Amino acid sequence: MPSTTTSGRFLRPAALIAAALLAVSVAACGSDEGSSATTASASATASASAAAVLGISDPWVKAADKGMTAAFGTLVNDGDADVTITKAATEVSPMELHEMTMKDGKMVMQPKEGGIVVKAHSRATLEPGGDHLMLMNIAKPVKAGDELSFTLTFADGRTQTFTAVAKPFTGAQESYAPGHGDSPMPEMSMSPAS
């Protein structure tokens, strides 16, 4: 004769499965309004998944009244595959992915061919004097304390949005590679002024 403990152990999972099936069938019979909510929920879940492509710590952008400026921060890839950023966008201006390199004995800024790669299980730093996200011709002043929204596009087509706070800073002089940009960058340092 079977014990009542064994029957109770199998009864509970069966009840949970039945409840889940009932919930799914009720949702399937709902109105179009319910399916819109389901679609919106699926979109939100997809957006949350997209947001997890990279971790972004300490994002900031150089405050500027006109011309060009740049966004910086630390990109963290906790995944098992390398991630390549192929494009960046913001409503404030057109953007390019940039790097600093030596040309004719001096450090110059130029577009980063092939994008910015963040290796699996590692970090990449976007900083003055290194790789950065360049805002090419800002449409309005970016004042200290302003928050700008940026969208990164990855080689696989995924996107991720993040917000960076504008901060003032000063430091080393950088210039463009011949034929790129209109003028040298304003003075830049490795970290923002607080």
N, C-alpha and C. Protein backbone atom coordinates (compact mmCIF):
# COMPACT_ATOMS: atom_id res chain seq x y z
N MET A 1 0.85 -1.18 0.00
CA MET A 1 0.00 0.00 0.00
C MET A 1 0.88 1.23 0.00
N PRO A 2 0.68 2.19 -0.94
CA PRO A 2 1.54 3.36 -1.00
C PRO A 2 1.29 4.28 0.19
N SER A 3 2.35 4.96 0.61
CA SER A 3 2.22 5.89 1.73
C SER A 3 1.63 7.21 1.26
N THR A 4 0.98 7.94 2.17
CA THR A 4 0.38 9.23 1.83
C THR A 4 1.46 10.28 1.59
N THR A 5 2.64 10.13 2.15
CA THR A 5 3.73 11.07 1.94
C THR A 5 4.16 11.06 0.47
N THR A 6 4.26 9.89 -0.14
CA THR A 6 4.65 9.79 -1.54
C THR A 6 3.61 10.44 -2.43
N SER A 7 2.30 10.20 -2.19
CA SER A 7 1.26 10.81 -3.02
C SER A 7 1.30 12.33 -2.91
N GLY A 8 1.49 12.86 -1.72
CA GLY A 8 1.54 14.31 -1.53
C GLY A 8 2.71 14.93 -2.26
N ARG A 9 3.82 14.20 -2.32
CA ARG A 9 5.00 14.71 -2.99
C ARG A 9 4.75 14.88 -4.49
N PHE A 10 3.99 14.00 -5.12
CA PHE A 10 3.71 14.09 -6.55
C PHE A 10 2.51 14.99 -6.84
N LEU A 11 1.62 15.15 -5.89
CA LEU A 11 0.43 15.96 -6.08
C LEU A 11 0.77 17.45 -6.22
N ARG A 12 1.69 17.94 -5.44
CA ARG A 12 2.04 19.37 -5.45
C ARG A 12 2.60 19.82 -6.80
N PRO A 13 3.61 19.15 -7.40
CA PRO A 13 4.09 19.56 -8.73
C PRO A 13 2.99 19.49 -9.78
N ALA A 14 2.14 18.48 -9.70
CA ALA A 14 1.05 18.36 -10.67
C ALA A 14 0.12 19.56 -10.57
N ALA A 15 -0.19 19.98 -9.35
CA ALA A 15 -1.06 21.14 -9.15
C ALA A 15 -0.41 22.41 -9.70
N LEU A 16 0.89 22.57 -9.50
CA LEU A 16 1.60 23.74 -10.02
C LEU A 16 1.60 23.76 -11.55
N ILE A 17 1.80 22.61 -12.16
CA ILE A 17 1.79 22.53 -13.63
C ILE A 17 0.41 22.86 -14.15
N ALA A 18 -0.64 22.34 -13.50
CA ALA A 18 -2.02 22.62 -13.92
C ALA A 18 -2.31 24.12 -13.81
N ALA A 19 -1.86 24.77 -12.75
CA ALA A 19 -2.09 26.20 -12.57
C ALA A 19 -1.37 26.99 -13.66
N ALA A 20 -0.17 26.59 -14.01
CA ALA A 20 0.58 27.28 -15.06
C ALA A 20 -0.12 27.14 -16.41
N LEU A 21 -0.61 25.92 -16.72
CA LEU A 21 -1.34 25.71 -17.98
C LEU A 21 -2.62 26.54 -18.03
N LEU A 22 -3.32 26.63 -16.91
CA LEU A 22 -4.54 27.43 -16.85
C LEU A 22 -4.23 28.90 -17.11
N ALA A 23 -3.15 29.41 -16.51
CA ALA A 23 -2.76 30.81 -16.70
C ALA A 23 -2.43 31.09 -18.16
N VAL A 24 -1.71 30.18 -18.81
CA VAL A 24 -1.36 30.35 -20.21
C VAL A 24 -2.60 30.33 -21.08
N SER A 25 -3.54 29.40 -20.81
CA SER A 25 -4.75 29.33 -21.64
C SER A 25 -5.63 30.55 -21.45
N VAL A 26 -5.73 31.10 -20.24
CA VAL A 26 -6.51 32.31 -20.02
C VAL A 26 -5.87 33.48 -20.75
N ALA A 27 -4.57 33.58 -20.72
CA ALA A 27 -3.87 34.67 -21.42
C ALA A 27 -4.08 34.55 -22.92
N ALA A 28 -4.09 33.34 -23.45
CA ALA A 28 -4.28 33.14 -24.89
C ALA A 28 -5.68 33.52 -25.33
N CYS A 29 -6.66 33.42 -24.44
CA CYS A 29 -8.05 33.74 -24.78
C CYS A 29 -8.36 35.21 -24.54
N GLY A 30 -7.42 35.98 -24.04
CA GLY A 30 -7.66 37.38 -23.72
C GLY A 30 -7.89 38.22 -24.96
N SER A 31 -8.24 39.48 -24.75
CA SER A 31 -8.51 40.41 -25.84
C SER A 31 -7.21 40.84 -26.51
N ASP A 32 -7.34 41.63 -27.59
CA ASP A 32 -6.16 42.18 -28.26
C ASP A 32 -5.39 43.07 -27.31
N GLU A 33 -6.10 43.73 -26.41
CA GLU A 33 -5.45 44.59 -25.43
C GLU A 33 -4.48 43.78 -24.59
N GLY A 34 -4.86 42.57 -24.20
CA GLY A 34 -3.99 41.69 -23.43
C GLY A 34 -2.78 41.27 -24.23
N SER A 35 -2.99 41.01 -25.53
CA SER A 35 -1.85 40.59 -26.34
C SER A 35 -0.90 41.75 -26.56
N SER A 36 -1.42 42.98 -26.58
CA SER A 36 -0.55 44.15 -26.67
C SER A 36 0.33 44.24 -25.43
N ALA A 37 -0.29 43.97 -24.27
CA ALA A 37 0.47 44.00 -23.03
C ALA A 37 1.53 42.91 -23.05
N THR A 38 1.16 41.73 -23.57
CA THR A 38 2.13 40.63 -23.67
C THR A 38 3.27 41.01 -24.60
N THR A 39 2.93 41.63 -25.75
CA THR A 39 3.95 42.08 -26.70
C THR A 39 4.86 43.13 -26.05
N ALA A 40 4.24 44.08 -25.33
CA ALA A 40 5.03 45.12 -24.65
C ALA A 40 5.96 44.48 -23.63
N SER A 41 5.43 43.46 -22.91
CA SER A 41 6.25 42.78 -21.91
C SER A 41 7.41 42.04 -22.59
N ALA A 42 7.14 41.42 -23.73
CA ALA A 42 8.20 40.73 -24.46
C ALA A 42 9.24 41.73 -24.95
N SER A 43 8.78 42.91 -25.41
CA SER A 43 9.71 43.94 -25.86
C SER A 43 10.57 44.43 -24.71
N ALA A 44 9.95 44.61 -23.54
CA ALA A 44 10.70 45.05 -22.37
C ALA A 44 11.75 44.01 -21.99
N THR A 45 11.36 42.72 -22.09
CA THR A 45 12.32 41.66 -21.78
C THR A 45 13.46 41.66 -22.78
N ALA A 46 13.14 41.86 -24.07
CA ALA A 46 14.19 41.93 -25.10
C ALA A 46 15.10 43.11 -24.83
N SER A 47 14.52 44.25 -24.43
CA SER A 47 15.34 45.43 -24.12
C SER A 47 16.24 45.15 -22.93
N ALA A 48 15.70 44.46 -21.92
CA ALA A 48 16.51 44.14 -20.75
C ALA A 48 17.67 43.23 -21.15
N SER A 49 17.40 42.29 -22.07
CA SER A 49 18.48 41.41 -22.53
C SER A 49 19.52 42.21 -23.29
N ALA A 50 19.06 43.16 -24.13
CA ALA A 50 20.00 43.98 -24.89
C ALA A 50 20.85 44.83 -23.95
N ALA A 51 20.25 45.29 -22.86
CA ALA A 51 20.97 46.13 -21.91
C ALA A 51 22.10 45.37 -21.25
N ALA A 52 22.06 44.05 -21.29
CA ALA A 52 23.06 43.25 -20.62
C ALA A 52 24.26 42.92 -21.50
N VAL A 53 24.36 43.51 -22.70
CA VAL A 53 25.49 43.21 -23.58
C VAL A 53 26.81 43.54 -22.88
N LEU A 54 26.91 44.74 -22.35
CA LEU A 54 28.09 45.19 -21.61
C LEU A 54 27.67 45.90 -20.34
N GLY A 55 28.51 45.81 -19.32
CA GLY A 55 28.34 46.68 -18.17
C GLY A 55 29.07 47.98 -18.50
N ILE A 56 28.53 49.11 -18.06
CA ILE A 56 29.19 50.39 -18.31
C ILE A 56 29.29 51.11 -16.98
N SER A 57 30.52 51.29 -16.51
CA SER A 57 30.70 51.97 -15.22
C SER A 57 31.35 53.33 -15.42
N ASP A 58 30.96 54.24 -14.57
CA ASP A 58 31.48 55.62 -14.55
C ASP A 58 31.40 56.32 -15.91
N PRO A 59 30.25 56.26 -16.61
CA PRO A 59 30.16 56.97 -17.89
C PRO A 59 30.09 58.47 -17.67
N TRP A 60 30.82 59.23 -18.49
CA TRP A 60 30.78 60.68 -18.40
C TRP A 60 31.11 61.27 -19.76
N VAL A 61 30.74 62.53 -19.95
CA VAL A 61 31.00 63.23 -21.20
C VAL A 61 31.60 64.59 -20.85
N LYS A 62 32.52 65.04 -21.67
CA LYS A 62 33.17 66.34 -21.43
C LYS A 62 32.18 67.46 -21.73
N ALA A 63 31.98 68.34 -20.77
CA ALA A 63 31.14 69.52 -20.98
C ALA A 63 31.79 70.39 -22.05
N ALA A 64 30.98 70.95 -22.95
CA ALA A 64 31.49 71.81 -24.03
C ALA A 64 30.38 72.73 -24.49
N ASP A 65 30.76 73.96 -24.88
CA ASP A 65 29.78 74.93 -25.36
C ASP A 65 29.45 74.74 -26.83
N LYS A 66 30.43 74.28 -27.63
CA LYS A 66 30.22 74.12 -29.07
C LYS A 66 31.28 73.18 -29.62
N GLY A 67 31.14 72.85 -30.90
CA GLY A 67 32.16 72.04 -31.57
C GLY A 67 32.05 70.58 -31.20
N MET A 68 33.18 70.01 -30.76
CA MET A 68 33.26 68.58 -30.48
C MET A 68 33.49 68.32 -29.01
N THR A 69 33.11 67.12 -28.59
CA THR A 69 33.40 66.65 -27.24
C THR A 69 33.43 65.12 -27.30
N ALA A 70 33.57 64.46 -26.17
CA ALA A 70 33.68 63.01 -26.19
C ALA A 70 33.06 62.40 -24.94
N ALA A 71 32.67 61.12 -25.06
CA ALA A 71 32.13 60.36 -23.93
C ALA A 71 33.12 59.27 -23.55
N PHE A 72 33.17 58.99 -22.25
CA PHE A 72 34.15 58.08 -21.68
C PHE A 72 33.50 57.15 -20.65
N GLY A 73 34.22 56.16 -20.19
CA GLY A 73 33.74 55.25 -19.16
C GLY A 73 34.48 53.93 -19.27
N THR A 74 34.07 52.97 -18.45
CA THR A 74 34.67 51.64 -18.48
C THR A 74 33.63 50.64 -18.96
N LEU A 75 33.97 49.88 -19.99
CA LEU A 75 33.09 48.86 -20.56
C LEU A 75 33.49 47.51 -19.99
N VAL A 76 32.52 46.77 -19.45
CA VAL A 76 32.79 45.49 -18.81
C VAL A 76 32.07 44.39 -19.57
N ASN A 77 32.83 43.40 -20.03
CA ASN A 77 32.26 42.25 -20.75
C ASN A 77 32.41 41.02 -19.87
N ASP A 78 31.31 40.62 -19.23
CA ASP A 78 31.33 39.42 -18.39
C ASP A 78 30.98 38.17 -19.19
N GLY A 79 30.72 38.33 -20.49
CA GLY A 79 30.33 37.20 -21.33
C GLY A 79 31.49 36.34 -21.78
N ASP A 80 31.13 35.26 -22.48
CA ASP A 80 32.13 34.29 -22.96
C ASP A 80 32.66 34.62 -24.35
N ALA A 81 32.12 35.67 -24.99
CA ALA A 81 32.56 36.03 -26.35
C ALA A 81 32.96 37.50 -26.38
N ASP A 82 33.90 37.82 -27.28
CA ASP A 82 34.28 39.22 -27.48
C ASP A 82 33.07 39.99 -28.00
N VAL A 83 33.00 41.28 -27.67
CA VAL A 83 31.93 42.16 -28.13
C VAL A 83 32.58 43.32 -28.87
N THR A 84 32.06 43.66 -30.06
CA THR A 84 32.59 44.77 -30.84
C THR A 84 31.54 45.85 -30.99
N ILE A 85 31.88 47.07 -30.55
CA ILE A 85 31.01 48.22 -30.75
C ILE A 85 31.34 48.79 -32.13
N THR A 86 30.34 48.90 -33.00
CA THR A 86 30.57 49.38 -34.36
C THR A 86 30.06 50.79 -34.58
N LYS A 87 29.19 51.27 -33.68
CA LYS A 87 28.61 52.60 -33.87
C LYS A 87 28.10 53.12 -32.54
N ALA A 88 28.10 54.44 -32.41
CA ALA A 88 27.51 55.11 -31.25
C ALA A 88 26.65 56.25 -31.76
N ALA A 89 25.57 56.55 -31.04
CA ALA A 89 24.67 57.62 -31.46
C ALA A 89 24.13 58.37 -30.25
N THR A 90 23.84 59.64 -30.45
CA THR A 90 23.19 60.47 -29.46
C THR A 90 22.39 61.53 -30.20
N GLU A 91 21.39 62.10 -29.55
CA GLU A 91 20.56 63.13 -30.18
C GLU A 91 21.31 64.46 -30.30
N VAL A 92 22.39 64.62 -29.55
CA VAL A 92 23.10 65.90 -29.49
C VAL A 92 23.97 66.16 -30.72
N SER A 93 24.48 65.10 -31.37
CA SER A 93 25.37 65.29 -32.51
C SER A 93 25.63 63.97 -33.23
N PRO A 94 26.20 64.05 -34.44
CA PRO A 94 26.71 62.83 -35.07
C PRO A 94 27.90 62.32 -34.24
N MET A 95 28.16 61.00 -34.31
CA MET A 95 29.24 60.44 -33.50
C MET A 95 30.14 59.53 -34.33
N GLU A 96 31.37 59.36 -33.83
CA GLU A 96 32.34 58.41 -34.39
C GLU A 96 33.03 57.71 -33.23
N LEU A 97 33.52 56.51 -33.49
CA LEU A 97 34.37 55.80 -32.54
C LEU A 97 35.80 56.24 -32.83
N HIS A 98 36.52 56.72 -31.83
CA HIS A 98 37.87 57.26 -32.05
C HIS A 98 38.92 56.57 -31.21
N GLU A 99 40.16 56.72 -31.66
CA GLU A 99 41.33 56.26 -30.94
C GLU A 99 42.41 57.33 -31.04
N MET A 100 43.39 57.22 -30.17
CA MET A 100 44.57 58.07 -30.24
C MET A 100 45.72 57.19 -30.72
N THR A 101 46.53 57.75 -31.63
CA THR A 101 47.66 56.98 -32.16
C THR A 101 48.81 57.94 -32.49
N MET A 102 50.01 57.41 -32.61
CA MET A 102 51.17 58.23 -32.95
C MET A 102 51.29 58.37 -34.47
N LYS A 103 51.42 59.60 -34.95
CA LYS A 103 51.67 59.88 -36.37
C LYS A 103 52.71 60.99 -36.45
N ASP A 104 53.77 60.73 -37.19
CA ASP A 104 54.84 61.72 -37.37
C ASP A 104 55.33 62.27 -36.03
N GLY A 105 55.48 61.39 -35.06
CA GLY A 105 56.05 61.78 -33.78
C GLY A 105 55.10 62.48 -32.83
N LYS A 106 53.80 62.60 -33.19
CA LYS A 106 52.88 63.21 -32.24
C LYS A 106 51.59 62.41 -32.15
N MET A 107 50.93 62.50 -31.00
CA MET A 107 49.70 61.78 -30.74
C MET A 107 48.55 62.49 -31.44
N VAL A 108 47.82 61.73 -32.30
CA VAL A 108 46.68 62.30 -33.02
C VAL A 108 45.44 61.43 -32.84
N MET A 109 44.29 62.04 -33.04
CA MET A 109 43.01 61.37 -32.93
C MET A 109 42.54 60.97 -34.32
N GLN A 110 41.95 59.76 -34.43
CA GLN A 110 41.42 59.31 -35.72
C GLN A 110 40.30 58.30 -35.48
N PRO A 111 39.47 58.04 -36.51
CA PRO A 111 38.42 57.03 -36.36
C PRO A 111 39.04 55.67 -36.05
N LYS A 112 38.37 54.89 -35.24
CA LYS A 112 38.85 53.55 -34.83
C LYS A 112 38.34 52.53 -35.84
N GLU A 113 39.21 52.09 -36.72
CA GLU A 113 38.84 51.11 -37.74
C GLU A 113 38.48 49.78 -37.08
N GLY A 114 37.38 49.17 -37.53
CA GLY A 114 36.98 47.87 -36.99
C GLY A 114 36.19 47.95 -35.70
N GLY A 115 35.99 49.14 -35.17
CA GLY A 115 35.21 49.29 -33.94
C GLY A 115 36.03 49.12 -32.68
N ILE A 116 35.35 49.24 -31.56
CA ILE A 116 35.99 49.07 -30.25
C ILE A 116 35.65 47.68 -29.75
N VAL A 117 36.68 46.86 -29.54
CA VAL A 117 36.49 45.47 -29.11
C VAL A 117 36.68 45.37 -27.60
N VAL A 118 35.72 44.72 -26.95
CA VAL A 118 35.84 44.42 -25.52
C VAL A 118 35.94 42.90 -25.43
N LYS A 119 37.11 42.42 -25.09
CA LYS A 119 37.37 40.97 -25.03
C LYS A 119 36.48 40.30 -23.97
N ALA A 120 36.21 39.02 -24.17
CA ALA A 120 35.42 38.24 -23.21
C ALA A 120 36.07 38.30 -21.83
N HIS A 121 35.27 38.42 -20.81
CA HIS A 121 35.72 38.43 -19.41
C HIS A 121 36.80 39.48 -19.16
N SER A 122 36.61 40.67 -19.75
CA SER A 122 37.59 41.75 -19.54
C SER A 122 36.91 43.11 -19.56
N ARG A 123 37.73 44.14 -19.47
CA ARG A 123 37.27 45.52 -19.47
C ARG A 123 38.01 46.30 -20.55
N ALA A 124 37.34 47.34 -21.05
CA ALA A 124 37.99 48.28 -21.97
C ALA A 124 37.66 49.67 -21.44
N THR A 125 38.67 50.51 -21.38
CA THR A 125 38.47 51.86 -20.85
C THR A 125 38.39 52.86 -22.00
N LEU A 126 37.34 53.66 -21.98
CA LEU A 126 37.21 54.78 -22.90
C LEU A 126 37.69 55.99 -22.13
N GLU A 127 38.76 56.65 -22.62
CA GLU A 127 39.36 57.74 -21.85
C GLU A 127 40.06 58.73 -22.77
N PRO A 128 40.23 59.97 -22.30
CA PRO A 128 41.02 60.93 -23.07
C PRO A 128 42.43 60.34 -23.27
N GLY A 129 42.95 60.46 -24.47
CA GLY A 129 44.26 59.90 -24.76
C GLY A 129 44.19 58.46 -25.22
N GLY A 130 42.97 57.90 -25.30
CA GLY A 130 42.78 56.51 -25.72
C GLY A 130 41.52 56.40 -26.57
N ASP A 131 40.92 55.23 -26.57
CA ASP A 131 39.66 55.05 -27.28
C ASP A 131 38.57 55.89 -26.61
N HIS A 132 37.65 56.43 -27.41
CA HIS A 132 36.55 57.22 -26.86
C HIS A 132 35.42 57.33 -27.88
N LEU A 133 34.27 57.80 -27.42
CA LEU A 133 33.11 58.03 -28.28
C LEU A 133 33.06 59.52 -28.58
N MET A 134 33.29 59.89 -29.84
CA MET A 134 33.43 61.29 -30.23
C MET A 134 32.12 61.88 -30.72
N LEU A 135 31.71 62.99 -30.10
CA LEU A 135 30.57 63.77 -30.55
C LEU A 135 31.14 64.82 -31.49
N MET A 136 30.77 64.76 -32.77
CA MET A 136 31.46 65.53 -33.80
C MET A 136 31.08 67.00 -33.92
N ASN A 137 29.84 67.35 -33.71
CA ASN A 137 29.41 68.74 -33.89
C ASN A 137 28.16 68.95 -33.06
N ILE A 138 28.33 69.27 -31.79
CA ILE A 138 27.18 69.34 -30.90
C ILE A 138 26.22 70.45 -31.32
N ALA A 139 24.92 70.12 -31.29
CA ALA A 139 23.87 71.04 -31.73
C ALA A 139 23.54 72.08 -30.66
N LYS A 140 23.87 71.79 -29.42
CA LYS A 140 23.62 72.72 -28.31
C LYS A 140 24.69 72.50 -27.26
N PRO A 141 24.93 73.48 -26.40
CA PRO A 141 25.94 73.31 -25.36
C PRO A 141 25.64 72.12 -24.46
N VAL A 142 26.70 71.44 -24.05
CA VAL A 142 26.60 70.35 -23.08
C VAL A 142 27.21 70.90 -21.79
N LYS A 143 26.35 71.24 -20.85
CA LYS A 143 26.78 71.88 -19.60
C LYS A 143 27.05 70.83 -18.53
N ALA A 144 27.97 71.15 -17.61
CA ALA A 144 28.26 70.27 -16.48
C ALA A 144 26.95 69.95 -15.77
N GLY A 145 26.74 68.66 -15.51
CA GLY A 145 25.52 68.21 -14.85
C GLY A 145 24.46 67.70 -15.81
N ASP A 146 24.56 68.06 -17.10
CA ASP A 146 23.61 67.54 -18.10
C ASP A 146 23.76 66.03 -18.20
N GLU A 147 22.64 65.35 -18.48
CA GLU A 147 22.68 63.91 -18.72
C GLU A 147 22.37 63.66 -20.18
N LEU A 148 23.26 62.95 -20.86
CA LEU A 148 23.08 62.63 -22.28
C LEU A 148 22.86 61.13 -22.42
N SER A 149 21.97 60.77 -23.33
CA SER A 149 21.70 59.37 -23.61
C SER A 149 22.47 58.95 -24.86
N PHE A 150 23.12 57.79 -24.80
CA PHE A 150 23.90 57.25 -25.91
C PHE A 150 23.41 55.85 -26.24
N THR A 151 23.42 55.51 -27.52
CA THR A 151 23.08 54.16 -27.95
C THR A 151 24.28 53.56 -28.66
N LEU A 152 24.72 52.40 -28.16
CA LEU A 152 25.81 51.66 -28.80
C LEU A 152 25.19 50.61 -29.71
N THR A 153 25.78 50.41 -30.89
CA THR A 153 25.39 49.33 -31.78
C THR A 153 26.55 48.37 -31.86
N PHE A 154 26.25 47.07 -31.75
CA PHE A 154 27.27 46.03 -31.73
C PHE A 154 27.32 45.32 -33.08
N ALA A 155 28.41 44.62 -33.35
CA ALA A 155 28.63 43.94 -34.63
C ALA A 155 27.51 42.95 -34.95
N ASP A 156 26.89 42.37 -33.93
CA ASP A 156 25.82 41.39 -34.16
C ASP A 156 24.45 42.04 -34.30
N GLY A 157 24.38 43.39 -34.30
CA GLY A 157 23.13 44.10 -34.50
C GLY A 157 22.41 44.49 -33.22
N ARG A 158 22.84 43.95 -32.08
CA ARG A 158 22.20 44.35 -30.82
C ARG A 158 22.55 45.80 -30.51
N THR A 159 21.73 46.43 -29.67
CA THR A 159 21.99 47.80 -29.24
C THR A 159 21.87 47.88 -27.72
N GLN A 160 22.46 48.92 -27.18
CA GLN A 160 22.40 49.16 -25.75
C GLN A 160 22.44 50.66 -25.52
N THR A 161 21.57 51.15 -24.65
CA THR A 161 21.52 52.58 -24.33
C THR A 161 22.06 52.80 -22.93
N PHE A 162 22.79 53.89 -22.74
CA PHE A 162 23.25 54.28 -21.41
C PHE A 162 23.24 55.79 -21.31
N THR A 163 23.30 56.29 -20.10
CA THR A 163 23.29 57.72 -19.83
C THR A 163 24.63 58.12 -19.21
N ALA A 164 25.15 59.27 -19.64
CA ALA A 164 26.41 59.79 -19.09
C ALA A 164 26.19 61.22 -18.63
N VAL A 165 26.82 61.58 -17.53
CA VAL A 165 26.72 62.93 -16.97
C VAL A 165 27.87 63.77 -17.50
N ALA A 166 27.58 65.02 -17.88
CA ALA A 166 28.61 65.93 -18.38
C ALA A 166 29.40 66.51 -17.20
N LYS A 167 30.74 66.54 -17.39
CA LYS A 167 31.64 67.07 -16.36
C LYS A 167 32.72 67.90 -17.03
N PRO A 168 33.19 68.96 -16.37
CA PRO A 168 34.30 69.74 -16.93
C PRO A 168 35.62 69.03 -16.66
N PHE A 169 36.62 69.22 -17.53
CA PHE A 169 37.96 68.73 -17.26
C PHE A 169 38.97 69.46 -18.13
N THR A 170 40.25 69.38 -17.71
CA THR A 170 41.35 70.02 -18.44
C THR A 170 42.50 69.04 -18.53
N GLY A 171 43.48 69.31 -19.39
CA GLY A 171 44.63 68.42 -19.46
C GLY A 171 45.41 68.50 -20.75
N ALA A 172 45.87 67.32 -21.22
CA ALA A 172 46.78 67.23 -22.36
C ALA A 172 46.13 67.66 -23.67
N GLN A 173 46.90 68.29 -24.54
CA GLN A 173 46.42 68.73 -25.86
C GLN A 173 46.44 67.54 -26.82
N GLU A 174 45.36 67.36 -27.57
CA GLU A 174 45.29 66.31 -28.57
C GLU A 174 44.90 66.93 -29.89
N SER A 175 45.35 66.35 -31.00
CA SER A 175 44.96 66.88 -32.30
C SER A 175 44.50 65.74 -33.21
N TYR A 176 43.90 66.12 -34.33
CA TYR A 176 43.39 65.14 -35.27
C TYR A 176 44.46 64.66 -36.24
N ALA A 177 44.27 63.44 -36.74
CA ALA A 177 45.11 62.94 -37.82
C ALA A 177 44.87 63.84 -39.01
N PRO A 178 45.86 64.03 -39.89
CA PRO A 178 45.69 64.91 -41.04
C PRO A 178 44.41 64.56 -41.83
N GLY A 179 43.64 65.60 -42.13
CA GLY A 179 42.43 65.42 -42.91
C GLY A 179 41.22 65.01 -42.09
N HIS A 180 41.31 64.90 -40.77
CA HIS A 180 40.18 64.49 -39.96
C HIS A 180 39.87 65.55 -38.92
N GLY A 181 38.64 66.03 -38.91
CA GLY A 181 38.25 67.05 -37.94
C GLY A 181 38.70 68.42 -38.38
N ASP A 182 38.18 69.43 -37.71
CA ASP A 182 38.47 70.80 -38.12
C ASP A 182 39.55 71.47 -37.30
N SER A 183 39.72 71.02 -36.06
CA SER A 183 40.67 71.71 -35.19
C SER A 183 41.13 70.77 -34.09
N PRO A 184 42.19 71.15 -33.37
CA PRO A 184 42.62 70.33 -32.24
C PRO A 184 41.52 70.27 -31.18
N MET A 185 41.52 69.18 -30.41
CA MET A 185 40.59 69.06 -29.30
C MET A 185 41.01 70.05 -28.22
N PRO A 186 40.02 70.56 -27.49
CA PRO A 186 40.37 71.38 -26.33
C PRO A 186 41.19 70.54 -25.36
N GLU A 187 41.83 71.20 -24.42
CA GLU A 187 42.68 70.47 -23.48
C GLU A 187 41.91 69.36 -22.80
N MET A 188 42.57 68.21 -22.62
CA MET A 188 41.92 67.04 -22.04
C MET A 188 42.84 66.40 -21.01
N SER A 189 42.24 65.85 -19.95
CA SER A 189 43.01 65.07 -18.98
C SER A 189 42.42 63.68 -18.91
N MET A 190 42.99 62.83 -18.10
CA MET A 190 42.53 61.45 -18.01
C MET A 190 41.30 61.30 -17.15
N SER A 191 40.89 62.29 -16.38
CA SER A 191 39.70 62.15 -15.55
C SER A 191 38.97 63.49 -15.44
N PRO A 192 37.66 63.43 -15.19
CA PRO A 192 36.87 64.66 -15.12
C PRO A 192 37.13 65.40 -13.83
N ALA A 193 36.89 66.70 -13.86
CA ALA A 193 36.94 67.49 -12.63
C ALA A 193 35.67 67.21 -11.87
N SER A 194 35.73 67.19 -10.58
CA SER A 194 34.52 66.88 -9.78
C SER A 194 33.78 68.14 -9.45
